[in-house]
Amino acid sequence: MIEIIIEDIDGSNRRLDISANHGCSLMEVLKHEGYDIVAVCGGMALCGTCIIKIVDWKSFLSVADHQELEILDMLPNVDPGYRCSCQLTVNMAMNGMVFKIVK
């Protein structure tokens, strides 16, 4: 199991336990768990409506590709800790990480 912590907009924290071979994006997991993730483009990294902040940053997560970086560059107040949750596939590298829902 992969354990992650989600910090919601209201500051509350919730631990999620996800199967290690889940194979879904973090966006899909968050939507399934009832978080208010808009994801207008359905996970194509075209809209920037599924942005999360990696609070407990670990540099060994996948690097944002060119398309995701273009979306992130268009958004105000976004630093290297922000990612499109649709572009992060749930995997063991996320174990113990803290992610913050942002609007």
C-alpha atoms as a PDB file:
ATOM      1  CA  MET A   1       0.000   0.000   0.000  1.00  0.00           C
ATOM      2  CA  ILE A   2       1.008   3.580  -0.687  1.00  0.00           C
ATOM      3  CA  GLU A   3       0.164   6.052   2.055  1.00  0.00           C
ATOM      4  CA  ILE A   4      -0.218   9.728   1.178  1.00  0.00           C
ATOM      5  CA  ILE A   5      -1.576  12.684   3.125  1.00  0.00           C
ATOM      6  CA  ILE A   6      -3.969  15.125   1.473  1.00  0.00           C
ATOM      7  CA  GLU A   7      -4.307  18.630   2.889  1.00  0.00           C
ATOM      8  CA  ASP A   8      -7.641  20.070   1.812  1.00  0.00           C
ATOM      9  CA  ILE A   9      -8.353  23.741   1.143  1.00  0.00           C
ATOM     10  CA  ASP A  10      -9.794  24.136   4.651  1.00  0.00           C
ATOM     11  CA  GLY A  11      -6.498  22.923   6.171  1.00  0.00           C
ATOM     12  CA  SER A  12      -7.782  19.506   7.238  1.00  0.00           C
ATOM     13  CA  ASN A  13      -5.556  16.486   6.581  1.00  0.00           C
ATOM     14  CA  ARG A  14      -6.621  13.017   5.515  1.00  0.00           C
ATOM     15  CA  ARG A  15      -4.524   9.914   5.025  1.00  0.00           C
ATOM     16  CA  LEU A  16      -5.218   7.857   1.909  1.00  0.00           C
ATOM     17  CA  ASP A  17      -4.055   4.283   1.482  1.00  0.00           C
ATOM     18  CA  ILE A  18      -3.797   3.343  -2.191  1.00  0.00           C
ATOM     19  CA  SER A  19      -2.971  -0.003  -3.738  1.00  0.00           C
ATOM     20  CA  ALA A  20       0.640  -0.046  -4.947  1.00  0.00           C
ATOM     21  CA  ASN A  21      -0.475  -1.343  -8.352  1.00  0.00           C
ATOM     22  CA  HIS A  22      -3.373   1.079  -8.702  1.00  0.00           C
ATOM     23  CA  GLY A  23      -2.047   2.538 -11.964  1.00  0.00           C
ATOM     24  CA  CYS A  24      -4.231   5.672 -11.844  1.00  0.00           C
ATOM     25  CA  SER A  25      -3.282   9.306 -11.743  1.00  0.00           C
ATOM     26  CA  LEU A  26      -3.374  11.238  -8.509  1.00  0.00           C
ATOM     27  CA  MET A  27      -6.240  13.271 -10.030  1.00  0.00           C
ATOM     28  CA  GLU A  28      -8.335  10.123 -10.504  1.00  0.00           C
ATOM     29  CA  VAL A  29      -7.657   9.023  -6.922  1.00  0.00           C
ATOM     30  CA  LEU A  30      -8.572  12.453  -5.542  1.00  0.00           C
ATOM     31  CA  LYS A  31     -11.815  12.585  -7.539  1.00  0.00           C
ATOM     32  CA  HIS A  32     -12.699   9.053  -6.414  1.00  0.00           C
ATOM     33  CA  GLU A  33     -12.087  10.060  -2.790  1.00  0.00           C
ATOM     34  CA  GLY A  34     -14.526  12.990  -3.120  1.00  0.00           C
ATOM     35  CA  TYR A  35     -12.124  15.901  -3.423  1.00  0.00           C
ATOM     36  CA  ASP A  36     -13.311  18.870  -5.476  1.00  0.00           C
ATOM     37  CA  ILE A  37     -10.922  18.468  -8.402  1.00  0.00           C
ATOM     38  CA  VAL A  38     -12.414  20.058 -11.515  1.00  0.00           C
ATOM     39  CA  ALA A  39     -10.168  18.522 -14.199  1.00  0.00           C
ATOM     40  CA  VAL A  40     -11.964  20.161 -17.123  1.00  0.00           C
ATOM     41  CA  CYS A  41      -9.746  18.480 -19.735  1.00  0.00           C
ATOM     42  CA  GLY A  42     -10.129  15.017 -18.206  1.00  0.00           C
ATOM     43  CA  GLY A  43      -6.459  14.502 -17.448  1.00  0.00           C
ATOM     44  CA  MET A  44      -4.743  15.722 -20.600  1.00  0.00           C
ATOM     45  CA  ALA A  45      -2.703  18.516 -18.903  1.00  0.00           C
ATOM     46  CA  LEU A  46      -4.477  21.135 -20.979  1.00  0.00           C
ATOM     47  CA  CYS A  47      -6.456  23.175 -18.450  1.00  0.00           C
ATOM     48  CA  GLY A  48      -4.632  23.530 -15.123  1.00  0.00           C
ATOM     49  CA  THR A  49      -7.768  22.833 -13.066  1.00  0.00           C
ATOM     50  CA  CYS A  50      -6.308  19.854 -11.170  1.00  0.00           C
ATOM     51  CA  ILE A  51      -3.268  21.628  -9.732  1.00  0.00           C
ATOM     52  CA  ILE A  52      -1.931  20.379  -6.410  1.00  0.00           C
ATOM     53  CA  LYS A  53       1.042  21.463  -4.330  1.00  0.00           C
ATOM     54  CA  ILE A  54       3.565  18.917  -3.158  1.00  0.00           C
ATOM     55  CA  VAL A  55       4.052  19.965   0.467  1.00  0.00           C
ATOM     56  CA  ASP A  56       6.503  17.240   1.377  1.00  0.00           C
ATOM     57  CA  TRP A  57       8.608  17.494  -1.771  1.00  0.00           C
ATOM     58  CA  LYS A  58      10.585  14.538  -3.017  1.00  0.00           C
ATOM     59  CA  SER A  59      12.792  15.146  -6.023  1.00  0.00           C
ATOM     60  CA  PHE A  60      12.474  11.616  -7.369  1.00  0.00           C
ATOM     61  CA  LEU A  61       8.933  12.100  -8.640  1.00  0.00           C
ATOM     62  CA  SER A  62       8.600  12.214 -12.396  1.00  0.00           C
ATOM     63  CA  VAL A  63       9.649  15.513 -13.935  1.00  0.00           C
ATOM     64  CA  ALA A  64       6.944  17.639 -15.517  1.00  0.00           C
ATOM     65  CA  ASP A  65       6.962  17.340 -19.295  1.00  0.00           C
ATOM     66  CA  HIS A  66       6.892  20.283 -21.725  1.00  0.00           C
ATOM     67  CA  GLN A  67       3.084  20.366 -22.004  1.00  0.00           C
ATOM     68  CA  GLU A  68       2.565  20.372 -18.232  1.00  0.00           C
ATOM     69  CA  LEU A  69       5.226  23.069 -17.773  1.00  0.00           C
ATOM     70  CA  GLU A  70       3.424  25.273 -20.321  1.00  0.00           C
ATOM     71  CA  ILE A  71       0.191  24.979 -18.324  1.00  0.00           C
ATOM     72  CA  LEU A  72       1.960  25.668 -15.025  1.00  0.00           C
ATOM     73  CA  ASP A  73       3.747  28.700 -16.522  1.00  0.00           C
ATOM     74  CA  MET A  74       0.360  30.265 -17.383  1.00  0.00           C
ATOM     75  CA  LEU A  75      -0.915  30.083 -13.797  1.00  0.00           C
ATOM     76  CA  PRO A  76      -0.219  32.792 -11.208  1.00  0.00           C
ATOM     77  CA  ASN A  77       1.816  32.071  -8.061  1.00  0.00           C
ATOM     78  CA  VAL A  78       3.008  28.618  -9.141  1.00  0.00           C
ATOM     79  CA  ASP A  79       6.417  27.423  -7.978  1.00  0.00           C
ATOM     80  CA  PRO A  80       8.302  24.148  -8.611  1.00  0.00           C
ATOM     81  CA  GLY A  81       6.241  22.377  -5.915  1.00  0.00           C
ATOM     82  CA  TYR A  82       3.074  22.637  -7.998  1.00  0.00           C
ATOM     83  CA  ARG A  83       2.018  19.924 -10.427  1.00  0.00           C
ATOM     84  CA  CYS A  84      -0.973  18.867 -12.467  1.00  0.00           C
ATOM     85  CA  SER A  85      -2.363  15.943 -10.466  1.00  0.00           C
ATOM     86  CA  CYS A  86      -3.468  14.315 -13.734  1.00  0.00           C
ATOM     87  CA  GLN A  87       0.191  13.907 -14.705  1.00  0.00           C
ATOM     88  CA  LEU A  88       1.301  12.112 -11.535  1.00  0.00           C
ATOM     89  CA  THR A  89       0.805   8.362 -11.729  1.00  0.00           C
ATOM     90  CA  VAL A  90       0.381   6.866  -8.280  1.00  0.00           C
ATOM     91  CA  ASN A  91       3.496   4.850  -7.458  1.00  0.00           C
ATOM     92  CA  MET A  92       5.701   3.828  -4.547  1.00  0.00           C
ATOM     93  CA  ALA A  93       7.783   7.016  -4.852  1.00  0.00           C
ATOM     94  CA  MET A  94       4.739   8.857  -3.442  1.00  0.00           C
ATOM     95  CA  ASN A  95       4.686   6.831  -0.236  1.00  0.00           C
ATOM     96  CA  GLY A  96       4.653   9.219   2.719  1.00  0.00           C
ATOM     97  CA  MET A  97       4.210  12.353   0.606  1.00  0.00           C
ATOM     98  CA  VAL A  98       1.911  15.252   1.502  1.00  0.00           C
ATOM     99  CA  PHE A  99      -0.148  16.922  -1.221  1.00  0.00           C
ATOM    100  CA  LYS A 100      -2.207  20.090  -0.843  1.00  0.00           C
ATOM    101  CA  ILE A 101      -5.387  20.775  -2.818  1.00  0.00           C
ATOM    102  CA  VAL A 102      -5.242  24.306  -4.253  1.00  0.00           C
ATOM    103  CA  LYS A 103      -7.798  26.387  -6.119  1.00  0.00           C
END
